[in-house]
């Protein structure tokens, strides 16, 4: 794959990027929750023979009943009144490789959606099953460069689960945990500890499933030159 080109994986966390790059033929970039940073990194990463882009990592559920660890293959992404359809052939390959994968629409958000009421309102307004902070940027850049894109996400927090402030604000711009920020948040709001522990446990389960995903979908995270002539 490297001799002919490569796939660029957009992630929010460094741990997600490391999983993505376990697959041959993949370059990963880390947005760290910053749209402008992610867009700039993706533009640079495309140079030298990118064949496609994939939004890869964990996500939050908007649809009630989606459990942590559920595979979501995005058919489309919604953002700011726009809808971008993921590549059909690539989406089919991902779905076929992942047992129990859900083919769903994803919402791309510029901020973390952590409150249960906010998740419910967004689900009612959009019908999207999951939310992340990278898929819409991937879609826009892929469309601008006339490249195929795909979305592969694993649910970390359910629609019924609140993300506490320590989790929402506990990440540095490079996608690594901000331990100091987490401790400060806990110090000021110690009552969020049970929610934080539940969030951490669910995220650990989702990351384990994400690692399983990369093995199941194969090289280049399911991209195949056969599909694109």
C-alpha atoms as a PDB file:
ATOM      1  CA  UNK A   1       0.000   0.000   0.000  1.00  0.00           C
ATOM      2  CA  UNK A   2       2.779   2.464   0.807  1.00  0.00           C
ATOM      3  CA  UNK A   3       4.325   1.919  -2.628  1.00  0.00           C
ATOM      4  CA  UNK A   4       1.049   2.863  -4.298  1.00  0.00           C
ATOM      5  CA  UNK A   5      -0.320   5.306  -1.755  1.00  0.00           C
ATOM      6  CA  UNK A   6      -1.769   5.407   1.732  1.00  0.00           C
ATOM      7  CA  UNK A   7      -4.885   6.105   3.754  1.00  0.00           C
ATOM      8  CA  UNK A   8      -5.035   9.021   6.187  1.00  0.00           C
ATOM      9  CA  UNK A   9      -6.848   8.340   9.466  1.00  0.00           C
ATOM     10  CA  UNK A  10      -8.250  11.284  11.416  1.00  0.00           C
ATOM     11  CA  UNK A  11      -8.379  10.741  15.166  1.00  0.00           C
ATOM     12  CA  UNK A  12      -8.962  12.862  18.241  1.00  0.00           C
ATOM     13  CA  UNK A  13      -6.751  10.945  20.663  1.00  0.00           C
ATOM     14  CA  UNK A  14      -3.171   9.748  20.484  1.00  0.00           C
ATOM     15  CA  UNK A  15      -4.264   6.272  21.572  1.00  0.00           C
ATOM     16  CA  UNK A  16      -6.651   6.113  18.589  1.00  0.00           C
ATOM     17  CA  UNK A  17      -3.856   7.169  16.247  1.00  0.00           C
ATOM     18  CA  UNK A  18      -1.601   4.423  17.560  1.00  0.00           C
ATOM     19  CA  UNK A  19      -4.283   1.833  16.895  1.00  0.00           C
ATOM     20  CA  UNK A  20      -4.844   3.144  13.357  1.00  0.00           C
ATOM     21  CA  UNK A  21      -1.157   3.016  12.530  1.00  0.00           C
ATOM     22  CA  UNK A  22      -0.995  -0.652  13.499  1.00  0.00           C
ATOM     23  CA  UNK A  23      -2.616  -1.179  10.094  1.00  0.00           C
ATOM     24  CA  UNK A  24      -0.163  -1.160   7.167  1.00  0.00           C
ATOM     25  CA  UNK A  25      -0.704   1.674   4.715  1.00  0.00           C
ATOM     26  CA  UNK A  26      -2.144   4.130   7.238  1.00  0.00           C
ATOM     27  CA  UNK A  27      -0.951   7.557   8.350  1.00  0.00           C
ATOM     28  CA  UNK A  28      -2.772   8.949  11.383  1.00  0.00           C
ATOM     29  CA  UNK A  29      -3.236  12.547  12.480  1.00  0.00           C
ATOM     30  CA  UNK A  30      -4.485  13.727  15.882  1.00  0.00           C
ATOM     31  CA  UNK A  31      -6.905  16.625  16.089  1.00  0.00           C
ATOM     32  CA  UNK A  32      -7.152  16.845  19.858  1.00  0.00           C
ATOM     33  CA  UNK A  33     -10.654  18.318  19.585  1.00  0.00           C
ATOM     34  CA  UNK A  34      -9.473  21.327  17.546  1.00  0.00           C
ATOM     35  CA  UNK A  35     -11.158  21.574  14.119  1.00  0.00           C
ATOM     36  CA  UNK A  36      -8.617  24.003  12.634  1.00  0.00           C
ATOM     37  CA  UNK A  37      -5.690  21.910  13.851  1.00  0.00           C
ATOM     38  CA  UNK A  38      -7.189  18.735  12.422  1.00  0.00           C
ATOM     39  CA  UNK A  39      -7.934  20.340   9.060  1.00  0.00           C
ATOM     40  CA  UNK A  40      -4.377  21.670   8.755  1.00  0.00           C
ATOM     41  CA  UNK A  41      -2.860  18.311   9.716  1.00  0.00           C
ATOM     42  CA  UNK A  42      -5.045  16.476   7.213  1.00  0.00           C
ATOM     43  CA  UNK A  43      -4.099  18.842   4.392  1.00  0.00           C
ATOM     44  CA  UNK A  44      -0.405  18.226   5.095  1.00  0.00           C
ATOM     45  CA  UNK A  45      -0.892  14.476   5.475  1.00  0.00           C
ATOM     46  CA  UNK A  46      -2.507  14.171   2.036  1.00  0.00           C
ATOM     47  CA  UNK A  47       0.696  15.181   0.283  1.00  0.00           C
ATOM     48  CA  UNK A  48       2.609  12.294  -1.250  1.00  0.00           C
ATOM     49  CA  UNK A  49      -0.082   9.913  -2.418  1.00  0.00           C
ATOM     50  CA  UNK A  50      -3.148   9.772  -0.169  1.00  0.00           C
ATOM     51  CA  UNK A  51      -5.819   7.496  -1.621  1.00  0.00           C
ATOM     52  CA  UNK A  52      -8.574   8.150   0.899  1.00  0.00           C
ATOM     53  CA  UNK A  53      -9.434   9.397   4.372  1.00  0.00           C
ATOM     54  CA  UNK A  54     -11.084   7.663   7.292  1.00  0.00           C
ATOM     55  CA  UNK A  55     -12.521   9.043  10.513  1.00  0.00           C
ATOM     56  CA  UNK A  56     -11.356   6.510  13.092  1.00  0.00           C
ATOM     57  CA  UNK A  57     -11.817   6.277  16.829  1.00  0.00           C
ATOM     58  CA  UNK A  58     -14.373   6.263  19.603  1.00  0.00           C
ATOM     59  CA  UNK A  59     -17.650   8.185  19.593  1.00  0.00           C
ATOM     60  CA  UNK A  60     -20.588   9.110  21.762  1.00  0.00           C
ATOM     61  CA  UNK A  61     -24.007   7.570  21.211  1.00  0.00           C
ATOM     62  CA  UNK A  62     -27.004   9.763  20.447  1.00  0.00           C
ATOM     63  CA  UNK A  63     -29.390   6.931  19.654  1.00  0.00           C
ATOM     64  CA  UNK A  64     -30.848   5.348  22.814  1.00  0.00           C
ATOM     65  CA  UNK A  65     -29.775   1.773  23.405  1.00  0.00           C
ATOM     66  CA  UNK A  66     -26.401   1.877  21.627  1.00  0.00           C
ATOM     67  CA  UNK A  67     -24.040   0.228  24.081  1.00  0.00           C
ATOM     68  CA  UNK A  68     -20.349   0.971  24.628  1.00  0.00           C
ATOM     69  CA  UNK A  69     -18.279  -1.227  22.349  1.00  0.00           C
ATOM     70  CA  UNK A  70     -20.793  -1.127  19.459  1.00  0.00           C
ATOM     71  CA  UNK A  71     -19.197  -0.753  16.022  1.00  0.00           C
ATOM     72  CA  UNK A  72     -20.608   2.108  13.964  1.00  0.00           C
ATOM     73  CA  UNK A  73     -19.810   2.373  10.266  1.00  0.00           C
ATOM     74  CA  UNK A  74     -20.892   5.795   9.102  1.00  0.00           C
ATOM     75  CA  UNK A  75     -22.979   5.927   5.935  1.00  0.00           C
ATOM     76  CA  UNK A  76     -23.029   9.724   6.088  1.00  0.00           C
ATOM     77  CA  UNK A  77     -22.048  12.620   8.318  1.00  0.00           C
ATOM     78  CA  UNK A  78     -24.168  15.657   9.158  1.00  0.00           C
ATOM     79  CA  UNK A  79     -22.755  19.024  10.167  1.00  0.00           C
ATOM     80  CA  UNK A  80     -24.086  22.587  10.065  1.00  0.00           C
ATOM     81  CA  UNK A  81     -26.943  21.695   7.758  1.00  0.00           C
ATOM     82  CA  UNK A  82     -24.739  19.754   5.351  1.00  0.00           C
ATOM     83  CA  UNK A  83     -24.757  16.033   4.626  1.00  0.00           C
ATOM     84  CA  UNK A  84     -21.782  14.157   3.202  1.00  0.00           C
ATOM     85  CA  UNK A  85     -22.174  10.544   2.047  1.00  0.00           C
ATOM     86  CA  UNK A  86     -19.323   8.168   2.830  1.00  0.00           C
ATOM     87  CA  UNK A  87     -17.919   6.010   0.034  1.00  0.00           C
ATOM     88  CA  UNK A  88     -20.265   3.094  -0.579  1.00  0.00           C
ATOM     89  CA  UNK A  89     -17.723   0.419  -1.497  1.00  0.00           C
ATOM     90  CA  UNK A  90     -15.455   1.199   1.439  1.00  0.00           C
ATOM     91  CA  UNK A  91     -18.426   1.312   3.803  1.00  0.00           C
ATOM     92  CA  UNK A  92     -19.566  -2.093   2.536  1.00  0.00           C
ATOM     93  CA  UNK A  93     -16.142  -3.608   3.155  1.00  0.00           C
ATOM     94  CA  UNK A  94     -16.006  -2.270   6.712  1.00  0.00           C
ATOM     95  CA  UNK A  95     -19.520  -3.490   7.498  1.00  0.00           C
ATOM     96  CA  UNK A  96     -18.812  -6.954   6.120  1.00  0.00           C
ATOM     97  CA  UNK A  97     -15.620  -7.277   8.178  1.00  0.00           C
ATOM     98  CA  UNK A  98     -17.112  -6.232  11.526  1.00  0.00           C
ATOM     99  CA  UNK A  99     -19.610  -8.590  13.213  1.00  0.00           C
ATOM    100  CA  UNK A 100     -22.658  -6.713  14.442  1.00  0.00           C
ATOM    101  CA  UNK A 101     -21.578  -3.390  12.955  1.00  0.00           C
ATOM    102  CA  UNK A 102     -24.289  -0.741  12.724  1.00  0.00           C
ATOM    103  CA  UNK A 103     -24.522   1.291   9.510  1.00  0.00           C
ATOM    104  CA  UNK A 104     -25.634   4.701  10.716  1.00  0.00           C
ATOM    105  CA  UNK A 105     -25.508   8.426  10.140  1.00  0.00           C
ATOM    106  CA  UNK A 106     -22.999  10.284  12.303  1.00  0.00           C
ATOM    107  CA  UNK A 107     -23.097  13.884  13.494  1.00  0.00           C
ATOM    108  CA  UNK A 108     -19.899  15.940  13.388  1.00  0.00           C
ATOM    109  CA  UNK A 109     -19.643  18.366  16.295  1.00  0.00           C
ATOM    110  CA  UNK A 110     -17.231  21.182  17.106  1.00  0.00           C
ATOM    111  CA  UNK A 111     -17.579  20.451  20.818  1.00  0.00           C
ATOM    112  CA  UNK A 112     -18.031  17.502  23.149  1.00  0.00           C
ATOM    113  CA  UNK A 113     -21.674  16.518  23.604  1.00  0.00           C
ATOM    114  CA  UNK A 114     -21.683  15.201  27.143  1.00  0.00           C
ATOM    115  CA  UNK A 115     -25.003  15.944  28.809  1.00  0.00           C
ATOM    116  CA  UNK A 116     -27.819  13.412  28.474  1.00  0.00           C
ATOM    117  CA  UNK A 117     -30.353  16.109  27.584  1.00  0.00           C
ATOM    118  CA  UNK A 118     -28.060  17.517  24.904  1.00  0.00           C
ATOM    119  CA  UNK A 119     -27.591  14.059  23.381  1.00  0.00           C
ATOM    120  CA  UNK A 120     -31.348  13.496  23.315  1.00  0.00           C
ATOM    121  CA  UNK A 121     -32.004  16.898  21.726  1.00  0.00           C
ATOM    122  CA  UNK A 122     -29.371  16.322  19.049  1.00  0.00           C
ATOM    123  CA  UNK A 123     -30.803  12.889  18.260  1.00  0.00           C
ATOM    124  CA  UNK A 124     -34.297  14.333  17.882  1.00  0.00           C
ATOM    125  CA  UNK A 125     -33.031  17.143  15.668  1.00  0.00           C
ATOM    126  CA  UNK A 126     -30.785  15.084  13.368  1.00  0.00           C
ATOM    127  CA  UNK A 127     -31.582  11.381  13.689  1.00  0.00           C
ATOM    128  CA  UNK A 128     -27.839  10.707  13.828  1.00  0.00           C
ATOM    129  CA  UNK A 129     -26.916   7.656  15.886  1.00  0.00           C
ATOM    130  CA  UNK A 130     -23.513   8.851  17.083  1.00  0.00           C
ATOM    131  CA  UNK A 131     -21.417  11.981  17.445  1.00  0.00           C
ATOM    132  CA  UNK A 132     -17.711  12.672  17.108  1.00  0.00           C
ATOM    133  CA  UNK A 133     -15.442  15.657  16.463  1.00  0.00           C
ATOM    134  CA  UNK A 134     -13.570  14.513  13.360  1.00  0.00           C
ATOM    135  CA  UNK A 135     -15.917  12.974  10.776  1.00  0.00           C
ATOM    136  CA  UNK A 136     -17.252  16.257   9.391  1.00  0.00           C
ATOM    137  CA  UNK A 137     -13.721  17.611   8.874  1.00  0.00           C
ATOM    138  CA  UNK A 138     -12.734  14.397   7.093  1.00  0.00           C
ATOM    139  CA  UNK A 139     -15.805  14.648   4.855  1.00  0.00           C
ATOM    140  CA  UNK A 140     -15.174  18.263   3.885  1.00  0.00           C
ATOM    141  CA  UNK A 141     -11.522  17.753   3.035  1.00  0.00           C
ATOM    142  CA  UNK A 142     -12.126  14.488   1.198  1.00  0.00           C
ATOM    143  CA  UNK A 143     -14.838  16.153  -0.873  1.00  0.00           C
ATOM    144  CA  UNK A 144     -12.613  19.135  -1.664  1.00  0.00           C
ATOM    145  CA  UNK A 145      -9.838  16.813  -2.858  1.00  0.00           C
ATOM    146  CA  UNK A 146     -12.219  14.383  -4.618  1.00  0.00           C
ATOM    147  CA  UNK A 147     -11.077  11.489  -2.463  1.00  0.00           C
ATOM    148  CA  UNK A 148     -13.201   8.708  -0.946  1.00  0.00           C
ATOM    149  CA  UNK A 149     -13.800   8.748   2.780  1.00  0.00           C
ATOM    150  CA  UNK A 150     -15.113   6.341   5.384  1.00  0.00           C
ATOM    151  CA  UNK A 151     -16.144   6.470   9.028  1.00  0.00           C
ATOM    152  CA  UNK A 152     -15.352   3.743  11.554  1.00  0.00           C
ATOM    153  CA  UNK A 153     -16.220   4.464  15.164  1.00  0.00           C
ATOM    154  CA  UNK A 154     -16.765   2.500  18.366  1.00  0.00           C
ATOM    155  CA  UNK A 155     -19.286   3.759  20.911  1.00  0.00           C
ATOM    156  CA  UNK A 156     -17.655   4.809  24.193  1.00  0.00           C
ATOM    157  CA  UNK A 157     -20.472   6.573  26.050  1.00  0.00           C
ATOM    158  CA  UNK A 158     -24.125   5.674  25.679  1.00  0.00           C
ATOM    159  CA  UNK A 159     -26.909   8.195  25.094  1.00  0.00           C
ATOM    160  CA  UNK A 160     -27.987   7.608  28.666  1.00  0.00           C
ATOM    161  CA  UNK A 161     -24.531   8.264  30.121  1.00  0.00           C
ATOM    162  CA  UNK A 162     -23.394  11.743  31.207  1.00  0.00           C
ATOM    163  CA  UNK A 163     -19.800  12.760  30.569  1.00  0.00           C
ATOM    164  CA  UNK A 164     -18.513  14.572  33.664  1.00  0.00           C
ATOM    165  CA  UNK A 165     -16.548  17.851  33.359  1.00  0.00           C
ATOM    166  CA  UNK A 166     -13.270  16.108  34.186  1.00  0.00           C
ATOM    167  CA  UNK A 167     -13.704  13.900  31.109  1.00  0.00           C
ATOM    168  CA  UNK A 168     -14.900  16.703  28.839  1.00  0.00           C
ATOM    169  CA  UNK A 169     -11.972  18.979  29.719  1.00  0.00           C
ATOM    170  CA  UNK A 170      -9.361  16.329  30.401  1.00  0.00           C
ATOM    171  CA  UNK A 171      -7.521  16.285  27.061  1.00  0.00           C
ATOM    172  CA  UNK A 172      -4.550  18.264  25.773  1.00  0.00           C
ATOM    173  CA  UNK A 173      -4.397  19.614  22.218  1.00  0.00           C
ATOM    174  CA  UNK A 174      -2.075  16.770  21.211  1.00  0.00           C
ATOM    175  CA  UNK A 175      -4.703  14.181  22.141  1.00  0.00           C
ATOM    176  CA  UNK A 176      -3.076  13.032  25.376  1.00  0.00           C
ATOM    177  CA  UNK A 177      -4.747  13.077  28.832  1.00  0.00           C
ATOM    178  CA  UNK A 178      -4.450  16.311  30.798  1.00  0.00           C
ATOM    179  CA  UNK A 179      -3.989  14.825  34.252  1.00  0.00           C
ATOM    180  CA  UNK A 180      -3.609  18.209  35.950  1.00  0.00           C
ATOM    181  CA  UNK A 181      -6.918  19.424  34.500  1.00  0.00           C
ATOM    182  CA  UNK A 182      -8.658  16.214  35.573  1.00  0.00           C
ATOM    183  CA  UNK A 183      -7.373  16.528  39.147  1.00  0.00           C
ATOM    184  CA  UNK A 184      -8.347  20.191  39.353  1.00  0.00           C
ATOM    185  CA  UNK A 185     -11.842  19.360  38.118  1.00  0.00           C
ATOM    186  CA  UNK A 186     -12.190  16.562  40.650  1.00  0.00           C
ATOM    187  CA  UNK A 187     -10.929  18.838  43.400  1.00  0.00           C
ATOM    188  CA  UNK A 188     -13.601  21.412  42.674  1.00  0.00           C
ATOM    189  CA  UNK A 189     -16.391  18.879  41.980  1.00  0.00           C
ATOM    190  CA  UNK A 190     -15.601  15.626  43.835  1.00  0.00           C
ATOM    191  CA  UNK A 191     -19.128  14.357  43.283  1.00  0.00           C
ATOM    192  CA  UNK A 192     -18.357  13.624  39.640  1.00  0.00           C
ATOM    193  CA  UNK A 193     -15.980  10.781  40.546  1.00  0.00           C
ATOM    194  CA  UNK A 194     -18.538   7.950  40.033  1.00  0.00           C
ATOM    195  CA  UNK A 195     -19.435   9.320  36.576  1.00  0.00           C
ATOM    196  CA  UNK A 196     -15.751   9.678  35.744  1.00  0.00           C
ATOM    197  CA  UNK A 197     -15.045   6.080  36.717  1.00  0.00           C
ATOM    198  CA  UNK A 198     -17.960   4.826  34.600  1.00  0.00           C
ATOM    199  CA  UNK A 199     -16.734   6.929  31.695  1.00  0.00           C
ATOM    200  CA  UNK A 200     -13.193   5.589  32.010  1.00  0.00           C
ATOM    201  CA  UNK A 201     -14.383   1.982  32.153  1.00  0.00           C
ATOM    202  CA  UNK A 202     -16.587   2.412  29.072  1.00  0.00           C
ATOM    203  CA  UNK A 203     -13.802   4.177  27.164  1.00  0.00           C
ATOM    204  CA  UNK A 204     -11.363   1.372  27.988  1.00  0.00           C
ATOM    205  CA  UNK A 205     -13.837  -1.179  26.633  1.00  0.00           C
ATOM    206  CA  UNK A 206     -14.358   0.899  23.474  1.00  0.00           C
ATOM    207  CA  UNK A 207     -10.618   1.208  22.886  1.00  0.00           C
ATOM    208  CA  UNK A 208     -10.216  -2.552  23.190  1.00  0.00           C
ATOM    209  CA  UNK A 209     -12.907  -3.011  20.539  1.00  0.00           C
ATOM    210  CA  UNK A 210     -11.259  -0.354  18.356  1.00  0.00           C
ATOM    211  CA  UNK A 211      -8.035  -2.351  18.449  1.00  0.00           C
ATOM    212  CA  UNK A 212     -10.013  -5.424  17.445  1.00  0.00           C
ATOM    213  CA  UNK A 213     -11.486  -3.424  14.555  1.00  0.00           C
ATOM    214  CA  UNK A 214      -8.118  -2.700  13.001  1.00  0.00           C
ATOM    215  CA  UNK A 215      -7.326  -6.424  12.943  1.00  0.00           C
ATOM    216  CA  UNK A 216     -10.687  -7.396  11.482  1.00  0.00           C
ATOM    217  CA  UNK A 217     -10.779  -4.860   8.643  1.00  0.00           C
ATOM    218  CA  UNK A 218      -7.216  -5.561   7.511  1.00  0.00           C
ATOM    219  CA  UNK A 219      -4.559  -3.388   5.845  1.00  0.00           C
ATOM    220  CA  UNK A 220      -5.333   0.266   5.142  1.00  0.00           C
ATOM    221  CA  UNK A 221      -8.379   0.030   7.447  1.00  0.00           C
ATOM    222  CA  UNK A 222     -10.522  -1.659   4.835  1.00  0.00           C
ATOM    223  CA  UNK A 223      -9.532   0.481   1.847  1.00  0.00           C
ATOM    224  CA  UNK A 224      -9.004  -1.488  -1.372  1.00  0.00           C
ATOM    225  CA  UNK A 225      -7.693  -0.314  -4.712  1.00  0.00           C
ATOM    226  CA  UNK A 226      -9.974  -2.927  -6.300  1.00  0.00           C
ATOM    227  CA  UNK A 227     -12.994  -0.844  -5.316  1.00  0.00           C
ATOM    228  CA  UNK A 228     -11.640   2.216  -7.045  1.00  0.00           C
ATOM    229  CA  UNK A 229     -10.287   0.790 -10.252  1.00  0.00           C
END
